[in-house]
N, C-alpha and C. Protein backbone atom coordinates (compact mmCIF):
# COMPACT_ATOMS: atom_id res chain seq x y z
N MET A 1 20.65 98.49 134.23
CA MET A 1 21.14 99.70 134.96
C MET A 1 19.93 100.71 135.20
N LEU A 2 19.85 101.07 136.60
CA LEU A 2 19.16 102.25 136.86
C LEU A 2 19.12 103.24 136.17
N ASN A 3 17.60 103.65 135.80
CA ASN A 3 18.08 105.28 135.06
C ASN A 3 18.54 106.35 135.84
N THR A 4 18.91 107.52 135.34
CA THR A 4 19.89 108.54 135.66
C THR A 4 19.17 109.31 137.01
N ILE A 5 18.16 109.49 136.93
CA ILE A 5 17.23 110.40 138.03
C ILE A 5 17.60 109.34 139.25
N VAL A 6 16.96 108.09 139.10
CA VAL A 6 17.18 107.09 140.33
C VAL A 6 18.43 106.77 140.83
N TYR A 7 19.25 106.71 139.64
CA TYR A 7 20.55 105.86 140.33
C TYR A 7 21.34 107.40 141.03
N CYS A 8 21.25 108.74 140.79
CA CYS A 8 21.56 109.75 141.37
C CYS A 8 21.19 109.68 142.63
N LYS A 9 19.85 109.53 142.90
CA LYS A 9 19.24 109.38 144.46
C LYS A 9 19.86 108.22 145.13
N ALA A 10 20.41 107.27 144.42
CA ALA A 10 20.43 106.09 145.24
C ALA A 10 21.98 106.30 145.42
N VAL A 11 22.93 107.31 144.74
CA VAL A 11 24.28 107.21 145.27
C VAL A 11 24.34 108.31 146.48
N LYS A 12 23.27 109.64 146.51
CA LYS A 12 22.98 110.33 147.64
C LYS A 12 22.62 109.80 148.66
N HIS A 13 21.95 108.48 148.75
CA HIS A 13 21.37 107.73 149.81
C HIS A 13 22.50 107.09 150.59
N LEU A 14 23.56 106.29 149.35
CA LEU A 14 24.52 105.61 149.97
C LEU A 14 25.49 106.54 151.05
N ARG A 15 25.94 107.38 150.33
CA ARG A 15 26.64 108.63 151.09
C ARG A 15 26.11 109.29 152.28
N LEU A 16 24.62 109.49 151.97
CA LEU A 16 24.12 110.00 153.35
C LEU A 16 24.35 108.86 154.40
N LEU A 17 23.87 107.81 154.42
CA LEU A 17 23.87 106.88 155.52
C LEU A 17 25.28 106.47 155.87
N ARG A 18 26.18 106.60 154.81
CA ARG A 18 27.81 106.34 155.36
C ARG A 18 28.07 107.47 156.39
N GLU A 19 27.86 108.55 155.72
CA GLU A 19 28.12 109.87 157.01
C GLU A 19 27.53 110.02 157.96
N SER A 20 26.04 109.22 157.96
CA SER A 20 25.21 109.61 158.91
C SER A 20 25.83 108.35 160.08
N GLN A 21 26.91 107.33 160.10
CA GLN A 21 26.97 106.44 160.57
C GLN A 21 28.70 107.07 160.90
N LYS A 22 28.86 108.07 160.49
CA LYS A 22 30.52 108.51 160.64
C LYS A 22 31.72 107.52 160.12
N LEU A 23 31.34 106.93 158.92
CA LEU A 23 32.15 105.92 158.50
C LEU A 23 32.57 106.59 157.49
N SER A 24 34.17 106.51 157.04
CA SER A 24 34.95 106.65 155.92
C SER A 24 34.44 105.78 154.73
N GLN A 25 34.74 105.97 153.74
CA GLN A 25 34.83 104.96 152.47
C GLN A 25 35.24 103.91 152.53
N GLN A 26 36.92 104.06 153.33
CA GLN A 26 37.51 103.03 153.49
C GLN A 26 36.98 102.02 154.63
N LYS A 27 36.28 102.58 155.71
CA LYS A 27 35.78 101.63 156.76
C LYS A 27 34.50 101.10 156.29
N LEU A 28 34.04 101.65 155.62
CA LEU A 28 32.55 100.98 154.61
C LEU A 28 33.19 99.91 153.76
N ALA A 29 33.98 100.27 153.08
CA ALA A 29 34.79 99.28 151.93
C ALA A 29 35.06 97.74 153.04
N ASP A 30 35.68 98.17 153.88
CA ASP A 30 36.56 97.20 154.84
C ASP A 30 35.26 95.99 155.43
N GLN A 31 34.23 96.58 155.90
CA GLN A 31 33.08 96.22 156.22
C GLN A 31 32.60 94.90 155.09
N PHE A 32 32.67 95.50 153.74
CA PHE A 32 32.00 94.91 152.61
C PHE A 32 33.24 93.87 151.73
N ASN A 33 34.45 94.03 152.66
CA ASN A 33 35.58 93.15 151.73
C ASN A 33 35.53 93.92 150.49
N LEU A 34 35.56 95.39 150.14
CA LEU A 34 35.81 96.02 148.96
C LEU A 34 36.72 96.88 149.21
N ALA A 35 37.06 97.38 148.16
CA ALA A 35 38.30 98.23 147.80
C ALA A 35 37.67 99.56 147.85
N GLN A 36 38.18 100.41 148.44
CA GLN A 36 37.65 102.26 148.96
C GLN A 36 37.22 102.50 147.83
N SER A 37 37.91 102.17 146.61
CA SER A 37 37.75 102.90 145.39
C SER A 37 36.55 102.34 144.47
N GLN A 38 35.79 101.37 145.35
CA GLN A 38 34.49 100.95 144.64
C GLN A 38 33.74 101.66 145.42
N ILE A 39 33.76 101.97 146.62
CA ILE A 39 32.48 102.85 147.48
C ILE A 39 32.65 104.24 146.54
N GLN A 40 34.00 104.63 146.38
CA GLN A 40 33.55 106.06 145.74
C GLN A 40 33.03 105.79 144.21
N SER A 41 33.18 104.78 143.75
CA SER A 41 32.59 104.61 142.60
C SER A 41 31.00 104.65 142.69
N TYR A 42 30.68 103.66 143.22
CA TYR A 42 29.16 103.67 143.75
C TYR A 42 28.61 105.22 144.28
N GLU A 43 29.51 105.90 145.17
CA GLU A 43 29.08 107.32 145.43
C GLU A 43 28.94 108.15 144.34
N THR A 44 29.72 108.12 143.17
CA THR A 44 30.07 108.89 142.28
C THR A 44 29.12 108.69 141.06
N GLY A 45 28.39 107.53 141.07
CA GLY A 45 27.67 106.81 139.78
C GLY A 45 28.46 106.02 138.71
N ALA A 46 29.79 105.91 139.11
CA ALA A 46 30.63 105.56 137.91
C ALA A 46 30.17 104.31 137.83
N TYR A 47 29.79 103.56 138.94
CA TYR A 47 29.84 101.85 138.73
C TYR A 47 28.45 101.71 140.00
N GLU A 48 27.98 100.65 139.18
CA GLU A 48 26.84 100.05 140.58
C GLU A 48 27.06 98.93 141.08
N PRO A 49 26.54 98.92 142.48
CA PRO A 49 26.64 97.66 143.17
C PRO A 49 25.85 96.42 142.91
N ASP A 50 26.21 94.85 142.92
CA ASP A 50 25.42 93.95 142.29
C ASP A 50 23.99 93.96 143.46
N ILE A 51 23.46 93.44 143.55
CA ILE A 51 22.16 93.09 143.86
C ILE A 51 22.39 92.65 145.42
N ASN A 52 23.35 91.54 145.75
CA ASN A 52 23.86 91.31 146.84
C ASN A 52 24.69 92.20 147.53
N THR A 53 25.56 92.90 147.33
CA THR A 53 25.99 94.04 147.65
C THR A 53 25.03 95.05 148.38
N MET A 54 24.04 95.53 147.44
CA MET A 54 22.95 96.47 147.72
C MET A 54 22.01 95.92 149.18
N ILE A 55 21.82 94.46 149.13
CA ILE A 55 21.23 93.78 150.16
C ILE A 55 21.78 93.83 151.28
N ALA A 56 23.31 93.39 151.12
CA ALA A 56 24.20 93.60 152.37
C ALA A 56 24.12 94.88 153.06
N MET A 57 24.43 95.81 152.13
CA MET A 57 24.35 97.29 152.54
C MET A 57 23.11 97.65 153.11
N ALA A 58 21.96 97.48 152.60
CA ALA A 58 20.81 97.85 153.18
C ALA A 58 20.65 96.99 154.72
N ASP A 59 20.93 95.98 154.67
CA ASP A 59 20.94 95.21 156.16
C ASP A 59 21.93 95.76 157.09
N PHE A 60 23.02 95.84 156.64
CA PHE A 60 24.20 96.99 157.45
C PHE A 60 23.56 98.16 158.18
N PHE A 61 23.13 98.76 157.26
CA PHE A 61 22.29 100.16 157.79
C PHE A 61 21.02 100.08 158.14
N GLY A 62 20.14 99.18 158.30
CA GLY A 62 18.96 98.85 158.62
C GLY A 62 18.02 99.59 157.85
N THR A 63 18.13 99.44 156.54
CA THR A 63 17.43 100.23 155.53
C THR A 63 16.64 99.40 154.56
N SER A 64 16.20 99.92 153.57
CA SER A 64 15.80 98.70 152.40
C SER A 64 16.67 99.16 151.34
N VAL A 65 16.48 98.02 150.38
CA VAL A 65 17.14 98.49 148.98
C VAL A 65 16.22 99.33 148.27
N ASP A 66 15.01 99.45 148.33
CA ASP A 66 14.39 100.72 147.93
C ASP A 66 14.71 101.71 148.39
N TYR A 67 15.21 102.27 149.45
CA TYR A 67 15.25 103.44 150.03
C TYR A 67 17.10 103.58 149.33
N LEU A 68 17.95 102.34 149.16
CA LEU A 68 19.38 102.87 148.61
C LEU A 68 19.13 103.20 147.14
N VAL A 69 18.14 102.67 146.57
CA VAL A 69 18.08 102.98 144.91
C VAL A 69 16.99 104.00 144.68
N GLY A 70 16.53 104.78 145.70
CA GLY A 70 15.75 106.27 145.63
C GLY A 70 14.08 105.91 145.29
N ARG A 71 13.60 104.32 145.51
CA ARG A 71 12.26 104.30 145.10
C ARG A 71 11.59 104.59 146.32
N THR A 72 12.33 105.11 147.61
CA THR A 72 11.44 105.97 148.53
C THR A 72 12.24 106.15 149.50
N ASP A 73 12.02 107.68 150.55
CA ASP A 73 12.83 108.05 151.03
C ASP A 73 12.37 107.77 152.45
N THR A 74 11.88 106.88 152.67
CA THR A 74 11.94 106.17 153.91
C THR A 74 12.90 105.44 154.49
N LYS A 75 13.91 105.83 155.66
CA LYS A 75 14.96 105.05 155.68
C LYS A 75 15.05 103.86 156.26
N ARG A 76 14.06 103.73 157.33
CA ARG A 76 13.87 102.56 158.14
C ARG A 76 13.38 101.77 157.62
N ASN A 77 13.63 100.26 157.77
CA ASN A 77 12.58 99.02 157.52
C ASN A 77 11.45 99.22 158.29
N ILE A 78 10.23 98.90 157.83
CA ILE A 78 9.04 98.93 158.45
C ILE A 78 8.73 97.61 158.68
N GLU A 79 8.42 97.44 160.01
CA GLU A 79 8.15 95.72 160.24
C GLU A 79 7.07 95.47 159.68
N HIS A 80 6.60 94.46 159.12
CA HIS A 80 5.28 93.57 158.57
C HIS A 80 4.15 93.75 159.50
N ILE A 81 3.02 94.52 158.93
CA ILE A 81 2.23 94.79 160.25
C ILE A 81 0.93 93.82 159.82
N SER A 82 0.27 92.90 160.80
CA SER A 82 -0.69 92.42 160.32
C SER A 82 -1.64 92.78 161.21
N ASP A 83 -3.30 92.88 160.86
CA ASP A 83 -4.21 93.59 161.85
C ASP A 83 -4.37 93.07 163.02
N HIS A 84 -4.15 91.66 162.91
CA HIS A 84 -3.83 91.28 164.30
C HIS A 84 -3.06 91.57 165.49
N SER A 85 -1.96 92.28 164.79
CA SER A 85 -0.73 92.80 165.71
C SER A 85 -0.86 94.05 166.38
N LEU A 86 -2.04 94.42 165.60
CA LEU A 86 -1.96 96.21 165.99
C LEU A 86 -2.65 96.15 167.31
N SER A 87 -2.09 97.33 168.08
CA SER A 87 -2.87 97.46 169.41
C SER A 87 -4.20 98.33 168.73
N GLU A 88 -5.13 98.64 169.76
CA GLU A 88 -6.40 99.30 169.49
C GLU A 88 -6.05 100.90 168.88
N ALA A 89 -5.05 101.61 169.64
CA ALA A 89 -4.63 102.71 169.29
C ALA A 89 -4.40 102.89 167.69
N GLU A 90 -3.35 101.98 167.75
CA GLU A 90 -2.77 101.94 166.22
C GLU A 90 -3.80 101.52 165.04
N LYS A 91 -4.88 100.48 165.39
CA LYS A 91 -6.03 100.37 164.59
C LYS A 91 -7.01 101.59 164.34
N THR A 92 -6.83 102.24 165.40
CA THR A 92 -7.92 103.67 165.38
C THR A 92 -6.93 104.85 164.45
N LEU A 93 -5.71 104.89 164.65
CA LEU A 93 -4.63 105.76 163.87
C LEU A 93 -5.12 104.97 162.29
N LEU A 94 -5.01 103.83 162.04
CA LEU A 94 -5.06 103.43 160.64
C LEU A 94 -6.60 103.74 160.36
N ILE A 95 -7.35 103.71 160.86
CA ILE A 95 -8.74 103.78 160.33
C ILE A 95 -9.02 105.53 159.65
N LYS A 96 -8.54 106.14 161.02
CA LYS A 96 -8.28 107.75 160.99
C LYS A 96 -7.63 107.90 159.55
N TYR A 97 -6.35 107.47 159.27
CA TYR A 97 -5.62 107.81 158.24
C TYR A 97 -6.30 107.45 156.90
N ARG A 98 -6.68 106.23 156.83
CA ARG A 98 -7.53 105.70 155.50
C ARG A 98 -8.54 106.56 155.23
N GLY A 99 -9.26 107.35 156.20
CA GLY A 99 -10.35 108.24 155.91
C GLY A 99 -10.28 109.78 155.30
N LEU A 100 -8.78 109.99 155.50
CA LEU A 100 -8.30 111.28 155.04
C LEU A 100 -8.31 111.43 153.41
N LEU A 101 -8.56 112.42 152.81
CA LEU A 101 -8.45 112.57 151.31
C LEU A 101 -6.57 112.70 151.35
N PRO A 102 -6.20 112.46 150.20
CA PRO A 102 -4.85 112.32 149.54
C PRO A 102 -4.03 113.60 150.03
N ASN A 103 -4.56 114.83 149.78
CA ASN A 103 -3.82 115.64 150.15
C ASN A 103 -3.37 115.79 151.53
N LYS A 104 -4.14 115.48 152.57
CA LYS A 104 -4.44 115.34 154.33
C LYS A 104 -3.40 114.31 154.39
N ARG A 105 -3.19 113.01 153.60
CA ARG A 105 -2.35 111.91 153.91
C ARG A 105 -0.93 112.45 153.61
N LYS A 106 -0.61 113.33 152.66
CA LYS A 106 0.61 113.78 152.42
C LYS A 106 0.96 114.58 153.26
N ILE A 107 0.29 115.52 153.72
CA ILE A 107 0.90 116.44 154.94
C ILE A 107 1.04 115.74 156.36
N LEU A 108 0.13 114.55 156.81
CA LEU A 108 0.13 113.81 157.80
C LEU A 108 1.50 113.05 157.42
N THR A 109 1.73 112.54 156.55
CA THR A 109 3.20 111.63 156.06
C THR A 109 4.19 112.89 155.98
N MET A 110 4.16 113.82 155.94
CA MET A 110 5.32 115.10 156.16
C MET A 110 5.82 115.15 157.47
N VAL A 111 4.62 115.28 158.67
CA VAL A 111 4.84 115.50 159.69
C VAL A 111 5.37 114.24 160.39
N LEU A 112 5.04 113.21 160.10
CA LEU A 112 5.62 111.73 160.70
C LEU A 112 7.26 111.54 160.16
N ASP A 113 7.53 112.17 158.89
CA ASP A 113 8.79 112.00 158.44
C ASP A 113 9.76 112.95 159.27
N ALA A 114 8.90 114.14 159.85
CA ALA A 114 9.68 114.96 160.14
C ALA A 114 10.09 114.48 161.77
N LEU A 115 8.80 113.69 162.35
CA LEU A 115 9.30 113.48 163.79
C LEU A 115 10.27 112.14 163.90
N ALA A 116 10.18 111.22 162.60
CA ALA A 116 10.93 110.43 162.51
C ALA A 116 12.39 110.66 162.29
N ASP A 117 12.73 111.72 161.91
CA ASP A 117 14.07 112.18 161.71
C ASP A 117 14.86 112.87 162.92
N GLU A 118 13.95 113.29 163.86
CA GLU A 118 14.50 113.89 165.33
C GLU A 118 15.22 112.57 166.24
């Protein structure tokens, strides 16, 4: 069972994702052949979805299980990046990022998060 702090965040993320798609609990339940009461239980923290349901929900919303369970606040899946798939501009940005002090990385991450949410 997830610890209380993380699970509360997971509940919040499921509800936020559902509401961002303008889905009722019933419509989301229909997507997964669940009862509306199960979605309600997931959102209130009364019951945890099994791992297969979590994976299916993450795929449905285009996010990660880590986001659903509160291990990250990054909503979108980030595609795997290998050095040879980066453009020169991306490589330059990555080099500059890696050269920043941790507090500067945090500021940059906040700016990028704000831009991504627009």
